Amino acid sequence: MELFFLVFGLFAIGGLVLTIWALVDAIRVPDESMFQSGNRLIWVLVIVLTGFIGAIIYLIVGRPSEADRARKLAPPPVPPPPPGSIG
């Protein structure tokens, strides 16, 4: 019986950690247009109201990819100098 409670407790803690991680990740997205679908408010509500299942749905459907995050956070390329300005 103790094994059942230990396993159940580990799953409960894992679900709570996943939910908190997904919530923090959704809040820290720097630009609303980076979400694959929806917006920040929608995803925060989905995660808070549905918990573990909402966190899994966010990670599969709504989370911005790492490539999108890197592309949005990278500085714009520096344009070349105008013709005739170099020596």
PDB file of N, CA and C in Angstrom:
ATOM      1  N   MET A   1       0.823  -1.194   0.000  1.00  0.00           N
ATOM      2  CA  MET A   1       0.000   0.000   0.000  1.00  0.00           C
ATOM      3  C   MET A   1       0.873   1.268   0.000  1.00  0.00           C
ATOM      4  N   GLU A   2       2.003   1.206   0.713  1.00  0.00           N
ATOM      5  CA  GLU A   2       2.888   2.363   0.723  1.00  0.00           C
ATOM      6  C   GLU A   2       3.466   2.635  -0.662  1.00  0.00           C
ATOM      7  N   LEU A   3       3.702   1.575  -1.418  1.00  0.00           N
ATOM      8  CA  LEU A   3       4.224   1.729  -2.771  1.00  0.00           C
ATOM      9  C   LEU A   3       3.229   2.492  -3.647  1.00  0.00           C
ATOM     10  N   PHE A   4       1.943   2.200  -3.473  1.00  0.00           N
ATOM     11  CA  PHE A   4       0.907   2.904  -4.231  1.00  0.00           C
ATOM     12  C   PHE A   4       0.958   4.399  -3.927  1.00  0.00           C
ATOM     13  N   PHE A   5       1.036   4.759  -2.666  1.00  0.00           N
ATOM     14  CA  PHE A   5       1.076   6.172  -2.294  1.00  0.00           C
ATOM     15  C   PHE A   5       2.369   6.837  -2.760  1.00  0.00           C
ATOM     16  N   LEU A   6       3.457   6.112  -2.742  1.00  0.00           N
ATOM     17  CA  LEU A   6       4.729   6.656  -3.223  1.00  0.00           C
ATOM     18  C   LEU A   6       4.653   6.945  -4.724  1.00  0.00           C
ATOM     19  N   VAL A   7       4.144   5.989  -5.499  1.00  0.00           N
ATOM     20  CA  VAL A   7       4.023   6.178  -6.941  1.00  0.00           C
ATOM     21  C   VAL A   7       3.031   7.290  -7.241  1.00  0.00           C
ATOM     22  N   PHE A   8       1.890   7.297  -6.567  1.00  0.00           N
ATOM     23  CA  PHE A   8       0.896   8.345  -6.767  1.00  0.00           C
ATOM     24  C   PHE A   8       1.470   9.713  -6.400  1.00  0.00           C
ATOM     25  N   GLY A   9       2.226   9.770  -5.329  1.00  0.00           N
ATOM     26  CA  GLY A   9       2.846  11.031  -4.917  1.00  0.00           C
ATOM     27  C   GLY A   9       3.862  11.526  -5.930  1.00  0.00           C
ATOM     28  N   LEU A  10       4.643  10.619  -6.492  1.00  0.00           N
ATOM     29  CA  LEU A  10       5.617  11.010  -7.511  1.00  0.00           C
ATOM     30  C   LEU A  10       4.921  11.537  -8.760  1.00  0.00           C
ATOM     31  N   PHE A  11       3.838  10.875  -9.184  1.00  0.00           N
ATOM     32  CA  PHE A  11       3.090  11.366 -10.334  1.00  0.00           C
ATOM     33  C   PHE A  11       2.453  12.721 -10.046  1.00  0.00           C
ATOM     34  N   ALA A  12       1.937  12.900  -8.836  1.00  0.00           N
ATOM     35  CA  ALA A  12       1.326  14.178  -8.477  1.00  0.00           C
ATOM     36  C   ALA A  12       2.364  15.299  -8.475  1.00  0.00           C
ATOM     37  N   ILE A  13       3.518  15.057  -7.914  1.00  0.00           N
ATOM     38  CA  ILE A  13       4.578  16.065  -7.891  1.00  0.00           C
ATOM     39  C   ILE A  13       5.063  16.344  -9.316  1.00  0.00           C
ATOM     40  N   GLY A  14       5.224  15.299 -10.122  1.00  0.00           N
ATOM     41  CA  GLY A  14       5.635  15.482 -11.518  1.00  0.00           C
ATOM     42  C   GLY A  14       4.617  16.303 -12.298  1.00  0.00           C
ATOM     43  N   GLY A  15       3.336  16.038 -12.092  1.00  0.00           N
ATOM     44  CA  GLY A  15       2.291  16.810 -12.760  1.00  0.00           C
ATOM     45  C   GLY A  15       2.288  18.265 -12.333  1.00  0.00           C
ATOM     46  N   LEU A  16       2.502  18.504 -11.048  1.00  0.00           N
ATOM     47  CA  LEU A  16       2.555  19.871 -10.544  1.00  0.00           C
ATOM     48  C   LEU A  16       3.761  20.617 -11.118  1.00  0.00           C
ATOM     49  N   VAL A  17       4.902  19.954 -11.162  1.00  0.00           N
ATOM     50  CA  VAL A  17       6.108  20.575 -11.727  1.00  0.00           C
ATOM     51  C   VAL A  17       5.902  20.889 -13.208  1.00  0.00           C
ATOM     52  N   LEU A  18       5.313  19.962 -13.959  1.00  0.00           N
ATOM     53  CA  LEU A  18       5.052  20.192 -15.378  1.00  0.00           C
ATOM     54  C   LEU A  18       4.085  21.346 -15.581  1.00  0.00           C
ATOM     55  N   THR A  19       3.064  21.430 -14.751  1.00  0.00           N
ATOM     56  CA  THR A  19       2.088  22.512 -14.857  1.00  0.00           C
ATOM     57  C   THR A  19       2.731  23.864 -14.573  1.00  0.00           C
ATOM     58  N   ILE A  20       3.528  23.945 -13.524  1.00  0.00           N
ATOM     59  CA  ILE A  20       4.192  25.203 -13.187  1.00  0.00           C
ATOM     60  C   ILE A  20       5.187  25.588 -14.276  1.00  0.00           C
ATOM     61  N   TRP A  21       5.927  24.619 -14.800  1.00  0.00           N
ATOM     62  CA  TRP A  21       6.897  24.901 -15.859  1.00  0.00           C
ATOM     63  C   TRP A  21       6.197  25.431 -17.108  1.00  0.00           C
ATOM     64  N   ALA A  22       5.095  24.810 -17.504  1.00  0.00           N
ATOM     65  CA  ALA A  22       4.359  25.268 -18.688  1.00  0.00           C
ATOM     66  C   ALA A  22       3.776  26.662 -18.461  1.00  0.00           C
ATOM     67  N   LEU A  23       3.284  26.932 -17.263  1.00  0.00           N
ATOM     68  CA  LEU A  23       2.721  28.242 -16.953  1.00  0.00           C
ATOM     69  C   LEU A  23       3.799  29.323 -17.019  1.00  0.00           C
ATOM     70  N   VAL A  24       4.945  29.072 -16.437  1.00  0.00           N
ATOM     71  CA  VAL A  24       6.049  30.041 -16.481  1.00  0.00           C
ATOM     72  C   VAL A  24       6.526  30.225 -17.920  1.00  0.00           C
ATOM     73  N   ASP A  25       6.596  29.144 -18.670  1.00  0.00           N
ATOM     74  CA  ASP A  25       7.026  29.229 -20.067  1.00  0.00           C
ATOM     75  C   ASP A  25       6.039  30.067 -20.882  1.00  0.00           C
ATOM     76  N   ALA A  26       4.758  29.882 -20.675  1.00  0.00           N
ATOM     77  CA  ALA A  26       3.748  30.651 -21.419  1.00  0.00           C
ATOM     78  C   ALA A  26       3.801  32.127 -21.051  1.00  0.00           C
ATOM     79  N   ILE A  27       4.057  32.433 -19.798  1.00  0.00           N
ATOM     80  CA  ILE A  27       4.103  33.827 -19.356  1.00  0.00           C
ATOM     81  C   ILE A  27       5.357  34.528 -19.878  1.00  0.00           C
ATOM     82  N   ARG A  28       6.460  33.801 -20.003  1.00  0.00           N
ATOM     83  CA  ARG A  28       7.732  34.416 -20.386  1.00  0.00           C
ATOM     84  C   ARG A  28       7.942  34.556 -21.891  1.00  0.00           C
ATOM     85  N   VAL A  29       7.004  34.130 -22.712  1.00  0.00           N
ATOM     86  CA  VAL A  29       7.150  34.299 -24.167  1.00  0.00           C
ATOM     87  C   VAL A  29       7.163  35.798 -24.453  1.00  0.00           C
ATOM     88  N   PRO A  30       8.209  36.307 -25.110  1.00  0.00           N
ATOM     89  CA  PRO A  30       8.353  37.760 -25.245  1.00  0.00           C
ATOM     90  C   PRO A  30       7.382  38.425 -26.217  1.00  0.00           C
ATOM     91  N   ASP A  31       6.837  37.677 -27.170  1.00  0.00           N
ATOM     92  CA  ASP A  31       5.974  38.302 -28.172  1.00  0.00           C
ATOM     93  C   ASP A  31       4.754  37.418 -28.400  1.00  0.00           C
ATOM     94  N   GLU A  32       3.576  38.033 -28.383  1.00  0.00           N
ATOM     95  CA  GLU A  32       2.331  37.288 -28.552  1.00  0.00           C
ATOM     96  C   GLU A  32       2.279  36.537 -29.882  1.00  0.00           C
ATOM     97  N   SER A  33       2.913  37.066 -30.918  1.00  0.00           N
ATOM     98  CA  SER A  33       2.826  36.440 -32.236  1.00  0.00           C
ATOM     99  C   SER A  33       3.667  35.168 -32.334  1.00  0.00           C
ATOM    100  N   MET A  34       4.442  34.845 -31.314  1.00  0.00           N
ATOM    101  CA  MET A  34       5.295  33.664 -31.355  1.00  0.00           C
ATOM    102  C   MET A  34       4.529  32.377 -31.070  1.00  0.00           C
ATOM    103  N   PHE A  35       3.368  32.459 -30.413  1.00  0.00           N
ATOM    104  CA  PHE A  35       2.599  31.260 -30.105  1.00  0.00           C
ATOM    105  C   PHE A  35       2.142  30.602 -31.398  1.00  0.00           C
ATOM    106  N   GLN A  36       2.151  29.279 -31.443  1.00  0.00           N
ATOM    107  CA  GLN A  36       1.716  28.566 -32.640  1.00  0.00           C
ATOM    108  C   GLN A  36       0.221  28.777 -32.866  1.00  0.00           C
ATOM    109  N   SER A  37      -0.544  28.879 -31.800  1.00  0.00           N
ATOM    110  CA  SER A  37      -1.966  29.188 -31.897  1.00  0.00           C
ATOM    111  C   SER A  37      -2.392  29.851 -30.591  1.00  0.00           C
ATOM    112  N   GLY A  38      -3.378  30.721 -30.674  1.00  0.00           N
ATOM    113  CA  GLY A  38      -3.856  31.405 -29.484  1.00  0.00           C
ATOM    114  C   GLY A  38      -2.951  32.553 -29.071  1.00  0.00           C
ATOM    115  N   ASN A  39      -3.169  33.022 -27.836  1.00  0.00           N
ATOM    116  CA  ASN A  39      -2.320  34.071 -27.286  1.00  0.00           C
ATOM    117  C   ASN A  39      -2.020  33.755 -25.825  1.00  0.00           C
ATOM    118  N   ARG A  40      -1.278  34.625 -25.175  1.00  0.00           N
ATOM    119  CA  ARG A  40      -0.818  34.362 -23.807  1.00  0.00           C
ATOM    120  C   ARG A  40      -1.980  34.147 -22.840  1.00  0.00           C
ATOM    121  N   LEU A  41      -2.990  35.002 -22.901  1.00  0.00           N
ATOM    122  CA  LEU A  41      -4.117  34.888 -21.968  1.00  0.00           C
ATOM    123  C   LEU A  41      -4.826  33.545 -22.124  1.00  0.00           C
ATOM    124  N   ILE A  42      -5.058  33.146 -23.345  1.00  0.00           N
ATOM    125  CA  ILE A  42      -5.727  31.862 -23.595  1.00  0.00           C
ATOM    126  C   ILE A  42      -4.913  30.714 -23.010  1.00  0.00           C
ATOM    127  N   TRP A  43      -3.608  30.692 -23.259  1.00  0.00           N
ATOM    128  CA  TRP A  43      -2.787  29.576 -22.788  1.00  0.00           C
ATOM    129  C   TRP A  43      -2.647  29.569 -21.275  1.00  0.00           C
ATOM    130  N   VAL A  44      -2.543  30.739 -20.668  1.00  0.00           N
ATOM    131  CA  VAL A  44      -2.479  30.773 -19.196  1.00  0.00           C
ATOM    132  C   VAL A  44      -3.775  30.231 -18.609  1.00  0.00           C
ATOM    133  N   LEU A  45      -4.913  30.625 -19.174  1.00  0.00           N
ATOM    134  CA  LEU A  45      -6.199  30.111 -18.682  1.00  0.00           C
ATOM    135  C   LEU A  45      -6.322  28.605 -18.902  1.00  0.00           C
ATOM    136  N   VAL A  46      -5.901  28.124 -20.059  1.00  0.00           N
ATOM    137  CA  VAL A  46      -5.965  26.674 -20.327  1.00  0.00           C
ATOM    138  C   VAL A  46      -5.123  25.916 -19.316  1.00  0.00           C
ATOM    139  N   ILE A  47      -3.915  26.390 -19.052  1.00  0.00           N
ATOM    140  CA  ILE A  47      -3.013  25.693 -18.124  1.00  0.00           C
ATOM    141  C   ILE A  47      -3.550  25.750 -16.701  1.00  0.00           C
ATOM    142  N   VAL A  48      -4.034  26.922 -16.276  1.00  0.00           N
ATOM    143  CA  VAL A  48      -4.510  27.070 -14.900  1.00  0.00           C
ATOM    144  C   VAL A  48      -5.791  26.267 -14.668  1.00  0.00           C
ATOM    145  N   LEU A  49      -6.706  26.319 -15.612  1.00  0.00           N
ATOM    146  CA  LEU A  49      -8.012  25.681 -15.397  1.00  0.00           C
ATOM    147  C   LEU A  49      -7.991  24.171 -15.607  1.00  0.00           C
ATOM    148  N   THR A  50      -7.073  23.671 -16.431  1.00  0.00           N
ATOM    149  CA  THR A  50      -7.061  22.228 -16.681  1.00  0.00           C
ATOM    150  C   THR A  50      -5.838  21.527 -16.102  1.00  0.00           C
ATOM    151  N   GLY A  51      -4.890  22.289 -15.576  1.00  0.00           N
ATOM    152  CA  GLY A  51      -3.740  21.705 -14.888  1.00  0.00           C
ATOM    153  C   GLY A  51      -2.838  20.896 -15.778  1.00  0.00           C
ATOM    154  N   PHE A  52      -2.587  19.661 -15.381  1.00  0.00           N
ATOM    155  CA  PHE A  52      -1.626  18.784 -16.062  1.00  0.00           C
ATOM    156  C   PHE A  52      -1.998  18.568 -17.531  1.00  0.00           C
ATOM    157  N   ILE A  53      -3.266  18.337 -17.807  1.00  0.00           N
ATOM    158  CA  ILE A  53      -3.706  18.112 -19.190  1.00  0.00           C
ATOM    159  C   ILE A  53      -3.506  19.381 -20.018  1.00  0.00           C
ATOM    160  N   GLY A  54      -3.813  20.545 -19.454  1.00  0.00           N
ATOM    161  CA  GLY A  54      -3.603  21.806 -20.160  1.00  0.00           C
ATOM    162  C   GLY A  54      -2.133  22.066 -20.434  1.00  0.00           C
ATOM    163  N   ALA A  55      -1.273  21.678 -19.511  1.00  0.00           N
ATOM    164  CA  ALA A  55       0.175  21.839 -19.717  1.00  0.00           C
ATOM    165  C   ALA A  55       0.652  20.982 -20.876  1.00  0.00           C
ATOM    166  N   ILE A  56       0.157  19.755 -20.949  1.00  0.00           N
ATOM    167  CA  ILE A  56       0.534  18.874 -22.061  1.00  0.00           C
ATOM    168  C   ILE A  56       0.016  19.439 -23.380  1.00  0.00           C
ATOM    169  N   ILE A  57      -1.229  19.931 -23.396  1.00  0.00           N
ATOM    170  CA  ILE A  57      -1.788  20.519 -24.610  1.00  0.00           C
ATOM    171  C   ILE A  57      -0.971  21.735 -25.035  1.00  0.00           C
ATOM    172  N   TYR A  58      -0.587  22.585 -24.081  1.00  0.00           N
ATOM    173  CA  TYR A  58       0.237  23.753 -24.405  1.00  0.00           C
ATOM    174  C   TYR A  58       1.567  23.333 -25.020  1.00  0.00           C
ATOM    175  N   LEU A  59       2.213  22.338 -24.438  1.00  0.00           N
ATOM    176  CA  LEU A  59       3.514  21.915 -24.937  1.00  0.00           C
ATOM    177  C   LEU A  59       3.420  21.312 -26.333  1.00  0.00           C
ATOM    178  N   ILE A  60       2.311  20.665 -26.655  1.00  0.00           N
ATOM    179  CA  ILE A  60       2.152  20.047 -27.969  1.00  0.00           C
ATOM    180  C   ILE A  60       1.648  21.045 -28.999  1.00  0.00           C
ATOM    181  N   VAL A  61       0.662  21.871 -28.640  1.00  0.00           N
ATOM    182  CA  VAL A  61      -0.033  22.703 -29.625  1.00  0.00           C
ATOM    183  C   VAL A  61       0.433  24.155 -29.634  1.00  0.00           C
ATOM    184  N   GLY A  62       0.652  24.759 -28.480  1.00  0.00           N
ATOM    185  CA  GLY A  62       0.832  26.198 -28.436  1.00  0.00           C
ATOM    186  C   GLY A  62       2.219  26.734 -28.223  1.00  0.00           C
ATOM    187  N   ARG A  63       3.117  25.932 -27.706  1.00  0.00           N
ATOM    188  CA  ARG A  63       4.445  26.435 -27.350  1.00  0.00           C
ATOM    189  C   ARG A  63       5.239  26.838 -28.580  1.00  0.00           C
ATOM    190  N   PRO A  64       5.832  28.034 -28.556  1.00  0.00           N
ATOM    191  CA  PRO A  64       6.684  28.441 -29.682  1.00  0.00           C
ATOM    192  C   PRO A  64       7.908  27.538 -29.785  1.00  0.00           C
ATOM    193  N   SER A  65       8.331  27.261 -30.995  1.00  0.00           N
ATOM    194  CA  SER A  65       9.527  26.434 -31.174  1.00  0.00           C
ATOM    195  C   SER A  65      10.758  27.251 -30.800  1.00  0.00           C
ATOM    196  N   GLU A  66      11.840  26.554 -30.541  1.00  0.00           N
ATOM    197  CA  GLU A  66      13.088  27.239 -30.184  1.00  0.00           C
ATOM    198  C   GLU A  66      13.590  28.084 -31.353  1.00  0.00           C
ATOM    199  N   ALA A  67      13.346  27.638 -32.578  1.00  0.00           N
ATOM    200  CA  ALA A  67      13.766  28.415 -33.745  1.00  0.00           C
ATOM    201  C   ALA A  67      13.011  29.740 -33.814  1.00  0.00           C
ATOM    202  N   ASP A  68      11.698  29.723 -33.513  1.00  0.00           N
ATOM    203  CA  ASP A  68      10.920  30.960 -33.502  1.00  0.00           C
ATOM    204  C   ASP A  68      11.425  31.916 -32.423  1.00  0.00           C
ATOM    205  N   ARG A  69      11.727  31.362 -31.256  1.00  0.00           N
ATOM    206  CA  ARG A  69      12.230  32.206 -30.167  1.00  0.00           C
ATOM    207  C   ARG A  69      13.565  32.833 -30.541  1.00  0.00           C
ATOM    208  N   ALA A  70      14.461  32.058 -31.119  1.00  0.00           N
ATOM    209  CA  ALA A  70      15.777  32.583 -31.484  1.00  0.00           C
ATOM    210  C   ALA A  70      15.658  33.615 -32.595  1.00  0.00           C
ATOM    211  N   ARG A  71      14.778  33.380 -33.553  1.00  0.00           N
ATOM    212  CA  ARG A  71      14.620  34.307 -34.671  1.00  0.00           C
ATOM    213  C   ARG A  71      14.036  35.632 -34.187  1.00  0.00           C
ATOM    214  N   LYS A  72      13.082  35.590 -33.270  1.00  0.00           N
ATOM    215  CA  LYS A  72      12.460  36.824 -32.774  1.00  0.00           C
ATOM    216  C   LYS A  72      13.409  37.609 -31.874  1.00  0.00           C
ATOM    217  N   LEU A  73      14.274  36.920 -31.148  1.00  0.00           N
ATOM    218  CA  LEU A  73      15.158  37.597 -30.203  1.00  0.00           C
ATOM    219  C   LEU A  73      16.472  38.040 -30.825  1.00  0.00           C
ATOM    220  N   ALA A  74      16.795  37.543 -32.011  1.00  0.00           N
ATOM    221  CA  ALA A  74      18.053  37.918 -32.659  1.00  0.00           C
ATOM    222  C   ALA A  74      17.961  39.358 -33.166  1.00  0.00           C
ATOM    223  N   PRO A  75      19.055  40.112 -33.072  1.00  0.00           N
ATOM    224  CA  PRO A  75      19.021  41.482 -33.587  1.00  0.00           C
ATOM    225  C   PRO A  75      18.889  41.478 -35.108  1.00  0.00           C
ATOM    226  N   PRO A  76      18.299  42.507 -35.665  1.00  0.00           N
ATOM    227  CA  PRO A  76      18.165  42.544 -37.121  1.00  0.00           C
ATOM    228  C   PRO A  76      19.540  42.646 -37.774  1.00  0.00           C
ATOM    229  N   PRO A  77      19.673  42.119 -38.984  1.00  0.00           N
ATOM    230  CA  PRO A  77      20.985  42.185 -39.645  1.00  0.00           C
ATOM    231  C   PRO A  77      21.364  43.624 -39.967  1.00  0.00           C
ATOM    232  N   VAL A  78      22.659  43.887 -39.924  1.00  0.00           N
ATOM    233  CA  VAL A  78      23.159  45.232 -40.212  1.00  0.00           C
ATOM    234  C   VAL A  78      23.203  45.409 -41.731  1.00  0.00           C
ATOM    235  N   PRO A  79      22.601  46.466 -42.245  1.00  0.00           N
ATOM    236  CA  PRO A  79      22.618  46.659 -43.700  1.00  0.00           C
ATOM    237  C   PRO A  79      24.010  47.046 -44.168  1.00  0.00           C
ATOM    238  N   PRO A  80      24.329  46.739 -45.410  1.00  0.00           N
ATOM    239  CA  PRO A  80      25.657  47.106 -45.933  1.00  0.00           C
ATOM    240  C   PRO A  80      25.733  48.620 -46.132  1.00  0.00           C
ATOM    241  N   PRO A  81      26.941  49.147 -46.145  1.00  0.00           N
ATOM    242  CA  PRO A  81      27.073  50.599 -46.352  1.00  0.00           C
ATOM    243  C   PRO A  81      26.609  50.979 -47.755  1.00  0.00           C
ATOM    244  N   PRO A  82      26.172  52.204 -47.934  1.00  0.00           N
ATOM    245  CA  PRO A  82      25.735  52.633 -49.271  1.00  0.00           C
ATOM    246  C   PRO A  82      26.910  52.653 -50.248  1.00  0.00           C
ATOM    247  N   PRO A  83      26.615  52.490 -51.532  1.00  0.00           N
ATOM    248  CA  PRO A  83      27.700  52.489 -52.525  1.00  0.00           C
ATOM    249  C   PRO A  83      28.436  53.831 -52.541  1.00  0.00           C
ATOM    250  N   GLY A  84      29.728  53.765 -52.717  1.00  0.00           N
ATOM    251  CA  GLY A  84      30.542  54.961 -52.798  1.00  0.00           C
ATOM    252  C   GLY A  84      30.979  55.547 -51.471  1.00  0.00           C
ATOM    253  N   SER A  85      30.549  54.933 -50.344  1.00  0.00           N
ATOM    254  CA  SER A  85      30.924  55.488 -49.057  1.00  0.00           C
ATOM    255  C   SER A  85      32.241  54.916 -48.546  1.00  0.00           C
ATOM    256  N   ILE A  86      32.713  53.852 -49.154  1.00  0.00           N
ATOM    257  CA  ILE A  86      33.964  53.238 -48.719  1.00  0.00           C
ATOM    258  C   ILE A  86      35.101  53.829 -49.555  1.00  0.00           C
ATOM    259  N   GLY A  87      36.081  54.400 -48.883  1.00  0.00           N
ATOM    260  CA  GLY A  87      37.223  54.968 -49.340  1.00  0.00           C
ATOM    261  C   GLY A  87      37.757  55.236 -50.582  1.00  0.00           C
TER     262      GLY A  87
END
